[in-house]
Amino acid sequence: MEDRLDLIHNLKRKYGETIPAVLAFAERSREQLDAINHAGERIAALEEEESRLLSELGRQGVLLSARRHAAAESLASAVEGELNHLKMNGAHFKVAFEQRLQADGIPLEDGRKVAYDAYGLEEIEFLVAPNPGEGLKPLVKIASGGETSRLMLAIKNGRARADQVPTLIFDEIDQGIGGRVGAVVGKKLWELGRAHQVLCVTHLPQLAAFGDEHLQVQKQVLEGRTVTKVLALRGEPRLLELAQMMGEVSEGTRRSAQELLAAARAATCPPQA
């Protein structure tokens, strides 16, 4: 009896403070020993499961790629139509797809193994030819500031109904464009605003005239600190702000501001029956 009590005491000292704790340790040890004894079988089962999952990923990836290619053609057509409206006549846009071979990648039906990530089986890049006769090249490398602004607006307009982002912010989208194109960009931003909330930072009066709301941002120094004020402009204050955006306020700039507001209203309000 003393030997048995001594054994139990030693077990509790090594493996747990109570008998249930010691028995739980014994059960875990049996499971670990079983796993070691059957490691080969477990590895084979895991490899079989990995192969099955990779095949399923390949099947789903091919389906995703097919849908992407169809959507890319639709997007390219829509963007090129928008670019024509934005005074980039003859510009071409394309979505390029590239798959990379990888030894431990996804197996495809043709025997190839390709790299994959959470977004699918290929890398995607936007290509553009801003002017007729130029070859398609990566958008990120060749587009000027003004072209990039218009391309971004064209892409957003082309997929306005599919885009789930509720608010779009365009900072200095008027970079590199003049007043004539500015009015076109302003109307496109207004159209985009029918499906999203659009915030636009601009110094171009032709563009600002299309805003549903015109906000003026001011910096002031109060008690030694710089603070920012945002004022909503309506009526006469908005007219004066548009005139100031064109230069010194005068009869000429005030008249031009009135004409800009009238043209924006005419472009965005349907004619009355």
C-alpha atoms as a PDB file:
ATOM      1  CA  MET A   1       0.000   0.000   0.000  1.00  0.00           C
ATOM      2  CA  GLU A   2       2.847   2.389   0.837  1.00  0.00           C
ATOM      3  CA  ASP A   3       4.534   1.565  -2.508  1.00  0.00           C
ATOM      4  CA  ARG A   4       1.309   2.292  -4.347  1.00  0.00           C
ATOM      5  CA  LEU A   5       0.797   5.609  -2.538  1.00  0.00           C
ATOM      6  CA  ASP A   6       4.419   6.543  -3.271  1.00  0.00           C
ATOM      7  CA  LEU A   7       3.881   5.831  -7.005  1.00  0.00           C
ATOM      8  CA  ILE A   8       0.735   7.957  -7.054  1.00  0.00           C
ATOM      9  CA  HIS A   9       2.576  10.749  -5.228  1.00  0.00           C
ATOM     10  CA  ASN A  10       5.416  10.697  -7.771  1.00  0.00           C
ATOM     11  CA  LEU A  11       2.956  10.703 -10.714  1.00  0.00           C
ATOM     12  CA  LYS A  12       1.130  13.723  -9.251  1.00  0.00           C
ATOM     13  CA  ARG A  13       4.455  15.504  -8.681  1.00  0.00           C
ATOM     14  CA  LYS A  14       5.519  14.984 -12.306  1.00  0.00           C
ATOM     15  CA  TYR A  15       2.283  15.101 -14.305  1.00  0.00           C
ATOM     16  CA  GLY A  16      -0.408  16.982 -12.360  1.00  0.00           C
ATOM     17  CA  GLU A  17      -1.641  17.959  -8.953  1.00  0.00           C
ATOM     18  CA  THR A  18      -4.677  15.668  -9.058  1.00  0.00           C
ATOM     19  CA  ILE A  19      -5.505  12.156 -10.216  1.00  0.00           C
ATOM     20  CA  PRO A  20      -7.744  13.482 -13.093  1.00  0.00           C
ATOM     21  CA  ALA A  21      -4.853  15.703 -14.246  1.00  0.00           C
ATOM     22  CA  VAL A  22      -2.489  12.727 -14.284  1.00  0.00           C
ATOM     23  CA  LEU A  23      -5.004  10.633 -16.246  1.00  0.00           C
ATOM     24  CA  ALA A  24      -5.502  13.483 -18.753  1.00  0.00           C
ATOM     25  CA  PHE A  25      -1.725  13.673 -19.278  1.00  0.00           C
ATOM     26  CA  ALA A  26      -1.663   9.915 -19.879  1.00  0.00           C
ATOM     27  CA  GLU A  27      -4.402  10.211 -22.510  1.00  0.00           C
ATOM     28  CA  ARG A  28      -2.556  13.005 -24.319  1.00  0.00           C
ATOM     29  CA  SER A  29       0.646  10.963 -24.250  1.00  0.00           C
ATOM     30  CA  ARG A  30      -1.151   7.934 -25.763  1.00  0.00           C
ATOM     31  CA  GLU A  31      -2.492  10.147 -28.567  1.00  0.00           C
ATOM     32  CA  GLN A  32       0.977  11.593 -29.260  1.00  0.00           C
ATOM     33  CA  LEU A  33       2.519   8.127 -29.312  1.00  0.00           C
ATOM     34  CA  ASP A  34      -0.170   6.943 -31.702  1.00  0.00           C
ATOM     35  CA  ALA A  35       0.503   9.912 -33.977  1.00  0.00           C
ATOM     36  CA  ILE A  36       4.232   9.113 -33.981  1.00  0.00           C
ATOM     37  CA  ASN A  37       3.620   5.434 -34.720  1.00  0.00           C
ATOM     38  CA  HIS A  38       1.283   6.306 -37.636  1.00  0.00           C
ATOM     39  CA  ALA A  39       3.121   9.435 -38.888  1.00  0.00           C
ATOM     40  CA  GLY A  40       3.623   7.978 -42.353  1.00  0.00           C
ATOM     41  CA  GLU A  41      -0.076   7.277 -42.800  1.00  0.00           C
ATOM     42  CA  ARG A  42      -0.941  10.774 -41.535  1.00  0.00           C
ATOM     43  CA  ILE A  43       1.498  12.424 -43.947  1.00  0.00           C
ATOM     44  CA  ALA A  44       0.065  10.432 -46.853  1.00  0.00           C
ATOM     45  CA  ALA A  45      -3.470  11.475 -45.885  1.00  0.00           C
ATOM     46  CA  LEU A  46      -2.442  15.121 -45.653  1.00  0.00           C
ATOM     47  CA  GLU A  47      -0.705  14.989 -49.039  1.00  0.00           C
ATOM     48  CA  GLU A  48      -3.822  13.459 -50.576  1.00  0.00           C
ATOM     49  CA  GLU A  49      -5.959  16.218 -49.044  1.00  0.00           C
ATOM     50  CA  GLU A  50      -3.527  18.867 -50.294  1.00  0.00           C
ATOM     51  CA  SER A  51      -3.714  17.459 -53.825  1.00  0.00           C
ATOM     52  CA  ARG A  52      -7.508  17.456 -53.704  1.00  0.00           C
ATOM     53  CA  LEU A  53      -7.640  21.068 -52.479  1.00  0.00           C
ATOM     54  CA  LEU A  54      -5.141  22.228 -55.117  1.00  0.00           C
ATOM     55  CA  SER A  55      -7.240  20.602 -57.851  1.00  0.00           C
ATOM     56  CA  GLU A  56     -10.353  22.330 -56.510  1.00  0.00           C
ATOM     57  CA  LEU A  57      -8.491  25.659 -56.345  1.00  0.00           C
ATOM     58  CA  GLY A  58      -7.429  25.166 -59.955  1.00  0.00           C
ATOM     59  CA  ARG A  59     -10.998  24.482 -61.036  1.00  0.00           C
ATOM     60  CA  GLN A  60     -12.333  27.539 -59.205  1.00  0.00           C
ATOM     61  CA  GLY A  61      -9.405  29.655 -60.437  1.00  0.00           C
ATOM     62  CA  VAL A  62     -10.119  28.787 -64.083  1.00  0.00           C
ATOM     63  CA  LEU A  63     -13.772  29.761 -63.622  1.00  0.00           C
ATOM     64  CA  LEU A  64     -12.727  33.047 -62.026  1.00  0.00           C
ATOM     65  CA  SER A  65     -10.294  33.745 -64.868  1.00  0.00           C
ATOM     66  CA  ALA A  66     -12.982  33.140 -67.486  1.00  0.00           C
ATOM     67  CA  ARG A  67     -15.314  35.612 -65.770  1.00  0.00           C
ATOM     68  CA  ARG A  68     -12.497  38.136 -65.429  1.00  0.00           C
ATOM     69  CA  HIS A  69     -11.651  37.966 -69.131  1.00  0.00           C
ATOM     70  CA  ALA A  70     -15.304  38.555 -70.040  1.00  0.00           C
ATOM     71  CA  ALA A  71     -15.547  41.451 -67.570  1.00  0.00           C
ATOM     72  CA  ALA A  72     -12.256  42.897 -68.877  1.00  0.00           C
ATOM     73  CA  GLU A  73     -13.637  43.152 -72.415  1.00  0.00           C
ATOM     74  CA  SER A  74     -16.743  44.899 -71.140  1.00  0.00           C
ATOM     75  CA  LEU A  75     -14.673  47.276 -68.987  1.00  0.00           C
ATOM     76  CA  ALA A  76     -12.297  48.120 -71.849  1.00  0.00           C
ATOM     77  CA  SER A  77     -15.209  48.991 -74.129  1.00  0.00           C
ATOM     78  CA  ALA A  78     -16.846  51.151 -71.444  1.00  0.00           C
ATOM     79  CA  VAL A  79     -13.600  52.962 -70.587  1.00  0.00           C
ATOM     80  CA  GLU A  80     -12.797  53.731 -74.222  1.00  0.00           C
ATOM     81  CA  GLY A  81     -16.305  55.186 -74.620  1.00  0.00           C
ATOM     82  CA  GLU A  82     -15.772  57.366 -71.545  1.00  0.00           C
ATOM     83  CA  LEU A  83     -12.350  58.487 -72.821  1.00  0.00           C
ATOM     84  CA  ASN A  84     -13.931  59.676 -76.060  1.00  0.00           C
ATOM     85  CA  HIS A  85     -16.261  61.861 -74.003  1.00  0.00           C
ATOM     86  CA  LEU A  86     -13.257  63.154 -72.041  1.00  0.00           C
ATOM     87  CA  LYS A  87     -11.549  64.442 -75.208  1.00  0.00           C
ATOM     88  CA  MET A  88      -9.154  61.487 -75.548  1.00  0.00           C
ATOM     89  CA  ASN A  89     -10.511  60.378 -78.903  1.00  0.00           C
ATOM     90  CA  GLY A  90      -8.827  57.297 -80.311  1.00  0.00           C
ATOM     91  CA  ALA A  91      -7.323  56.236 -76.972  1.00  0.00           C
ATOM     92  CA  HIS A  92      -7.263  52.490 -76.374  1.00  0.00           C
ATOM     93  CA  PHE A  93      -7.528  50.651 -73.073  1.00  0.00           C
ATOM     94  CA  LYS A  94      -6.937  46.986 -72.329  1.00  0.00           C
ATOM     95  CA  VAL A  95      -6.703  44.681 -69.327  1.00  0.00           C
ATOM     96  CA  ALA A  96      -3.683  42.352 -69.590  1.00  0.00           C
ATOM     97  CA  PHE A  97      -3.513  38.977 -67.808  1.00  0.00           C
ATOM     98  CA  GLU A  98      -0.288  37.124 -67.022  1.00  0.00           C
ATOM     99  CA  GLN A  99       0.211  33.718 -65.410  1.00  0.00           C
ATOM    100  CA  ARG A 100       3.558  32.716 -63.876  1.00  0.00           C
ATOM    101  CA  LEU A 101       4.775  29.118 -63.881  1.00  0.00           C
ATOM    102  CA  GLN A 102       5.609  27.772 -60.416  1.00  0.00           C
ATOM    103  CA  ALA A 103       6.794  24.256 -59.520  1.00  0.00           C
ATOM    104  CA  ASP A 104       4.552  24.009 -56.451  1.00  0.00           C
ATOM    105  CA  GLY A 105       1.691  26.023 -57.945  1.00  0.00           C
ATOM    106  CA  ILE A 106      -1.859  25.170 -58.971  1.00  0.00           C
ATOM    107  CA  PRO A 107      -2.053  22.272 -61.489  1.00  0.00           C
ATOM    108  CA  LEU A 108      -4.080  23.062 -64.622  1.00  0.00           C
ATOM    109  CA  GLU A 109      -5.667  20.671 -67.116  1.00  0.00           C
ATOM    110  CA  ASP A 110      -2.926  21.359 -69.693  1.00  0.00           C
ATOM    111  CA  GLY A 111      -0.280  20.091 -67.271  1.00  0.00           C
ATOM    112  CA  ARG A 112       1.129  23.467 -66.292  1.00  0.00           C
ATOM    113  CA  LYS A 113       1.500  24.581 -62.670  1.00  0.00           C
ATOM    114  CA  VAL A 114       0.953  28.300 -62.110  1.00  0.00           C
ATOM    115  CA  ALA A 115       1.455  30.675 -59.198  1.00  0.00           C
ATOM    116  CA  TYR A 116      -1.596  31.718 -57.226  1.00  0.00           C
ATOM    117  CA  ASP A 117      -2.627  33.951 -54.338  1.00  0.00           C
ATOM    118  CA  ALA A 118      -5.826  35.075 -52.651  1.00  0.00           C
ATOM    119  CA  TYR A 119      -6.822  36.964 -55.845  1.00  0.00           C
ATOM    120  CA  GLY A 120      -6.570  34.144 -58.351  1.00  0.00           C
ATOM    121  CA  LEU A 121      -4.225  32.554 -60.860  1.00  0.00           C
ATOM    122  CA  GLU A 122      -2.946  35.607 -62.730  1.00  0.00           C
ATOM    123  CA  GLU A 123      -1.523  39.071 -62.351  1.00  0.00           C
ATOM    124  CA  ILE A 124      -3.551  41.887 -63.909  1.00  0.00           C
ATOM    125  CA  GLU A 125      -2.297  45.152 -65.417  1.00  0.00           C
ATOM    126  CA  PHE A 126      -4.051  48.035 -67.173  1.00  0.00           C
ATOM    127  CA  LEU A 127      -2.586  48.964 -70.556  1.00  0.00           C
ATOM    128  CA  VAL A 128      -3.310  52.176 -72.429  1.00  0.00           C
ATOM    129  CA  ALA A 129      -2.464  53.868 -75.710  1.00  0.00           C
ATOM    130  CA  PRO A 130      -3.371  57.550 -75.083  1.00  0.00           C
ATOM    131  CA  ASN A 131      -3.012  58.558 -78.739  1.00  0.00           C
ATOM    132  CA  PRO A 132      -3.857  56.829 -82.041  1.00  0.00           C
ATOM    133  CA  GLY A 133      -0.935  54.940 -83.547  1.00  0.00           C
ATOM    134  CA  GLU A 134       0.777  54.288 -80.215  1.00  0.00           C
ATOM    135  CA  GLY A 135       1.130  50.771 -78.882  1.00  0.00           C
ATOM    136  CA  LEU A 136      -0.461  49.655 -75.656  1.00  0.00           C
ATOM    137  CA  LYS A 137       1.822  50.164 -72.660  1.00  0.00           C
ATOM    138  CA  PRO A 138       1.401  49.931 -68.876  1.00  0.00           C
ATOM    139  CA  LEU A 139      -0.806  52.740 -67.590  1.00  0.00           C
ATOM    140  CA  VAL A 140       1.393  53.247 -64.535  1.00  0.00           C
ATOM    141  CA  LYS A 141       4.444  54.059 -66.700  1.00  0.00           C
ATOM    142  CA  ILE A 142       3.296  56.256 -69.577  1.00  0.00           C
ATOM    143  CA  ALA A 143       0.194  58.299 -68.738  1.00  0.00           C
ATOM    144  CA  SER A 144       0.688  61.998 -67.980  1.00  0.00           C
ATOM    145  CA  GLY A 145      -0.915  63.652 -64.970  1.00  0.00           C
ATOM    146  CA  GLY A 146      -3.922  64.902 -66.913  1.00  0.00           C
ATOM    147  CA  GLU A 147      -4.318  61.592 -68.753  1.00  0.00           C
ATOM    148  CA  THR A 148      -4.120  59.641 -65.511  1.00  0.00           C
ATOM    149  CA  SER A 149      -6.855  61.812 -64.004  1.00  0.00           C
ATOM    150  CA  ARG A 150      -9.153  61.252 -66.957  1.00  0.00           C
ATOM    151  CA  LEU A 151      -8.349  57.539 -67.137  1.00  0.00           C
ATOM    152  CA  MET A 152      -9.168  57.135 -63.455  1.00  0.00           C
ATOM    153  CA  LEU A 153     -12.454  58.963 -63.957  1.00  0.00           C
ATOM    154  CA  ALA A 154     -13.236  56.854 -67.038  1.00  0.00           C
ATOM    155  CA  ILE A 155     -12.579  53.618 -65.127  1.00  0.00           C
ATOM    156  CA  LYS A 156     -14.734  54.736 -62.197  1.00  0.00           C
ATOM    157  CA  ASN A 157     -17.550  55.798 -64.529  1.00  0.00           C
ATOM    158  CA  GLY A 158     -17.231  52.589 -66.530  1.00  0.00           C
ATOM    159  CA  ARG A 159     -17.858  50.470 -63.444  1.00  0.00           C
ATOM    160  CA  ALA A 160     -19.948  52.896 -61.386  1.00  0.00           C
ATOM    161  CA  ARG A 161     -22.799  50.446 -60.865  1.00  0.00           C
ATOM    162  CA  ALA A 162     -20.497  47.599 -59.838  1.00  0.00           C
ATOM    163  CA  ASP A 163     -18.262  49.640 -57.520  1.00  0.00           C
ATOM    164  CA  GLN A 164     -19.252  49.068 -53.894  1.00  0.00           C
ATOM    165  CA  VAL A 165     -17.110  51.939 -52.544  1.00  0.00           C
ATOM    166  CA  PRO A 166     -19.631  54.517 -51.256  1.00  0.00           C
ATOM    167  CA  THR A 167     -17.351  57.574 -51.323  1.00  0.00           C
ATOM    168  CA  LEU A 168     -14.827  58.534 -54.017  1.00  0.00           C
ATOM    169  CA  ILE A 169     -12.249  61.290 -53.481  1.00  0.00           C
ATOM    170  CA  PHE A 170     -10.558  62.971 -56.447  1.00  0.00           C
ATOM    171  CA  ASP A 171      -7.665  65.194 -55.388  1.00  0.00           C
ATOM    172  CA  GLU A 172      -6.399  67.596 -58.069  1.00  0.00           C
ATOM    173  CA  ILE A 173      -8.100  65.725 -60.893  1.00  0.00           C
ATOM    174  CA  ASP A 174      -7.815  68.939 -62.917  1.00  0.00           C
ATOM    175  CA  GLN A 175      -4.031  68.538 -63.134  1.00  0.00           C
ATOM    176  CA  GLY A 176      -2.846  68.991 -66.702  1.00  0.00           C
ATOM    177  CA  ILE A 177      -6.253  69.803 -68.217  1.00  0.00           C
ATOM    178  CA  GLY A 178      -7.679  73.097 -69.446  1.00  0.00           C
ATOM    179  CA  GLY A 179     -11.041  74.789 -69.131  1.00  0.00           C
ATOM    180  CA  ARG A 180     -12.658  73.068 -72.134  1.00  0.00           C
ATOM    181  CA  VAL A 181     -11.861  69.581 -70.866  1.00  0.00           C
ATOM    182  CA  GLY A 182     -12.554  70.738 -67.302  1.00  0.00           C
ATOM    183  CA  ALA A 183     -16.230  71.239 -68.112  1.00  0.00           C
ATOM    184  CA  VAL A 184     -16.418  67.722 -69.564  1.00  0.00           C
ATOM    185  CA  VAL A 185     -14.678  66.269 -66.502  1.00  0.00           C
ATOM    186  CA  GLY A 186     -17.053  68.248 -64.275  1.00  0.00           C
ATOM    187  CA  LYS A 187     -20.085  66.718 -65.935  1.00  0.00           C
ATOM    188  CA  LYS A 188     -18.597  63.228 -65.659  1.00  0.00           C
ATOM    189  CA  LEU A 189     -17.958  63.764 -61.945  1.00  0.00           C
ATOM    190  CA  TRP A 190     -21.547  64.939 -61.555  1.00  0.00           C
ATOM    191  CA  GLU A 191     -22.778  61.767 -63.314  1.00  0.00           C
ATOM    192  CA  LEU A 192     -20.560  59.645 -61.061  1.00  0.00           C
ATOM    193  CA  GLY A 193     -22.119  61.429 -58.116  1.00  0.00           C
ATOM    194  CA  ARG A 194     -25.497  59.925 -58.972  1.00  0.00           C
ATOM    195  CA  ALA A 195     -24.172  56.508 -57.848  1.00  0.00           C
ATOM    196  CA  HIS A 196     -21.582  57.546 -55.227  1.00  0.00           C
ATOM    197  CA  GLN A 197     -20.704  60.367 -52.908  1.00  0.00           C
ATOM    198  CA  VAL A 198     -17.958  62.240 -54.755  1.00  0.00           C
ATOM    199  CA  LEU A 199     -15.539  64.648 -53.073  1.00  0.00           C
ATOM    200  CA  CYS A 200     -13.379  66.640 -55.473  1.00  0.00           C
ATOM    201  CA  VAL A 201     -10.514  69.032 -54.688  1.00  0.00           C
ATOM    202  CA  THR A 202     -10.065  71.451 -57.565  1.00  0.00           C
ATOM    203  CA  HIS A 203      -8.839  74.915 -58.521  1.00  0.00           C
ATOM    204  CA  LEU A 204     -10.591  74.855 -61.905  1.00  0.00           C
ATOM    205  CA  PRO A 205     -13.829  76.911 -61.966  1.00  0.00           C
ATOM    206  CA  GLN A 206     -15.214  75.015 -64.979  1.00  0.00           C
ATOM    207  CA  LEU A 207     -15.106  71.860 -62.884  1.00  0.00           C
ATOM    208  CA  ALA A 208     -16.234  73.396 -59.580  1.00  0.00           C
ATOM    209  CA  ALA A 209     -19.392  74.777 -61.194  1.00  0.00           C
ATOM    210  CA  PHE A 210     -20.776  71.233 -61.489  1.00  0.00           C
ATOM    211  CA  GLY A 211     -20.687  70.533 -57.747  1.00  0.00           C
ATOM    212  CA  ASP A 212     -23.974  69.940 -55.931  1.00  0.00           C
ATOM    213  CA  GLU A 213     -22.225  71.539 -52.942  1.00  0.00           C
ATOM    214  CA  HIS A 214     -19.347  74.031 -53.126  1.00  0.00           C
ATOM    215  CA  LEU A 215     -17.083  74.022 -50.056  1.00  0.00           C
ATOM    216  CA  GLN A 216     -14.351  76.596 -49.499  1.00  0.00           C
ATOM    217  CA  VAL A 217     -11.425  75.546 -47.317  1.00  0.00           C
ATOM    218  CA  GLN A 218      -9.655  78.328 -45.419  1.00  0.00           C
ATOM    219  CA  LYS A 219      -6.599  78.362 -43.161  1.00  0.00           C
ATOM    220  CA  GLN A 220      -6.499  80.886 -40.341  1.00  0.00           C
ATOM    221  CA  VAL A 221      -4.158  81.629 -37.431  1.00  0.00           C
ATOM    222  CA  LEU A 222      -6.058  82.014 -34.166  1.00  0.00           C
ATOM    223  CA  GLU A 223      -4.222  82.636 -30.911  1.00  0.00           C
ATOM    224  CA  GLY A 224      -0.963  81.458 -32.416  1.00  0.00           C
ATOM    225  CA  ARG A 225      -2.373  78.233 -33.876  1.00  0.00           C
ATOM    226  CA  THR A 226      -3.314  77.369 -37.458  1.00  0.00           C
ATOM    227  CA  VAL A 227      -6.885  76.174 -37.844  1.00  0.00           C
ATOM    228  CA  THR A 228      -8.895  75.093 -40.873  1.00  0.00           C
ATOM    229  CA  LYS A 229     -12.397  76.311 -41.652  1.00  0.00           C
ATOM    230  CA  VAL A 230     -14.749  74.829 -44.219  1.00  0.00           C
ATOM    231  CA  LEU A 231     -17.532  77.061 -45.508  1.00  0.00           C
ATOM    232  CA  ALA A 232     -20.498  75.936 -47.610  1.00  0.00           C
ATOM    233  CA  LEU A 233     -20.957  78.482 -50.392  1.00  0.00           C
ATOM    234  CA  ARG A 234     -24.322  79.199 -51.963  1.00  0.00           C
ATOM    235  CA  GLY A 235     -25.741  82.047 -53.985  1.00  0.00           C
ATOM    236  CA  GLU A 236     -23.609  85.184 -54.132  1.00  0.00           C
ATOM    237  CA  PRO A 237     -20.655  83.793 -52.085  1.00  0.00           C
ATOM    238  CA  ARG A 238     -20.340  80.892 -54.516  1.00  0.00           C
ATOM    239  CA  LEU A 239     -20.485  83.245 -57.493  1.00  0.00           C
ATOM    240  CA  LEU A 240     -17.685  85.365 -55.980  1.00  0.00           C
ATOM    241  CA  GLU A 241     -15.574  82.260 -55.277  1.00  0.00           C
ATOM    242  CA  LEU A 242     -15.866  81.074 -58.886  1.00  0.00           C
ATOM    243  CA  ALA A 243     -14.961  84.568 -60.072  1.00  0.00           C
ATOM    244  CA  GLN A 244     -11.899  84.579 -57.798  1.00  0.00           C
ATOM    245  CA  MET A 245     -10.854  81.202 -59.181  1.00  0.00           C
ATOM    246  CA  MET A 246     -10.608  82.894 -62.574  1.00  0.00           C
ATOM    247  CA  GLY A 247      -8.624  85.902 -61.306  1.00  0.00           C
ATOM    248  CA  GLU A 248      -9.453  89.284 -59.819  1.00  0.00           C
ATOM    249  CA  VAL A 249     -13.154  89.778 -59.199  1.00  0.00           C
ATOM    250  CA  SER A 250     -14.579  92.087 -61.848  1.00  0.00           C
ATOM    251  CA  GLU A 251     -17.684  92.432 -63.937  1.00  0.00           C
ATOM    252  CA  GLY A 252     -16.061  90.191 -66.512  1.00  0.00           C
ATOM    253  CA  THR A 253     -15.161  87.375 -64.093  1.00  0.00           C
ATOM    254  CA  ARG A 254     -18.557  87.639 -62.356  1.00  0.00           C
ATOM    255  CA  ARG A 255     -20.302  87.333 -65.706  1.00  0.00           C
ATOM    256  CA  SER A 256     -18.101  84.369 -66.629  1.00  0.00           C
ATOM    257  CA  ALA A 257     -18.929  82.702 -63.297  1.00  0.00           C
ATOM    258  CA  GLN A 258     -22.645  83.179 -63.936  1.00  0.00           C
ATOM    259  CA  GLU A 259     -22.228  81.650 -67.386  1.00  0.00           C
ATOM    260  CA  LEU A 260     -20.362  78.657 -65.912  1.00  0.00           C
ATOM    261  CA  LEU A 261     -23.130  78.002 -63.374  1.00  0.00           C
ATOM    262  CA  ALA A 262     -25.799  78.377 -66.046  1.00  0.00           C
ATOM    263  CA  ALA A 263     -23.952  75.993 -68.379  1.00  0.00           C
ATOM    264  CA  ALA A 264     -23.538  73.433 -65.579  1.00  0.00           C
ATOM    265  CA  ARG A 265     -27.242  73.618 -64.727  1.00  0.00           C
ATOM    266  CA  ALA A 266     -28.165  73.221 -68.392  1.00  0.00           C
ATOM    267  CA  ALA A 267     -25.877  70.184 -68.723  1.00  0.00           C
ATOM    268  CA  THR A 268     -27.167  68.425 -65.609  1.00  0.00           C
ATOM    269  CA  CYS A 269     -30.850  69.359 -65.452  1.00  0.00           C
ATOM    270  CA  PRO A 270     -33.215  67.669 -67.961  1.00  0.00           C
ATOM    271  CA  PRO A 271     -35.226  70.098 -70.072  1.00  0.00           C
ATOM    272  CA  GLN A 272     -38.704  70.837 -68.747  1.00  0.00           C
ATOM    273  CA  ALA A 273     -41.586  69.445 -70.794  1.00  0.00           C
END
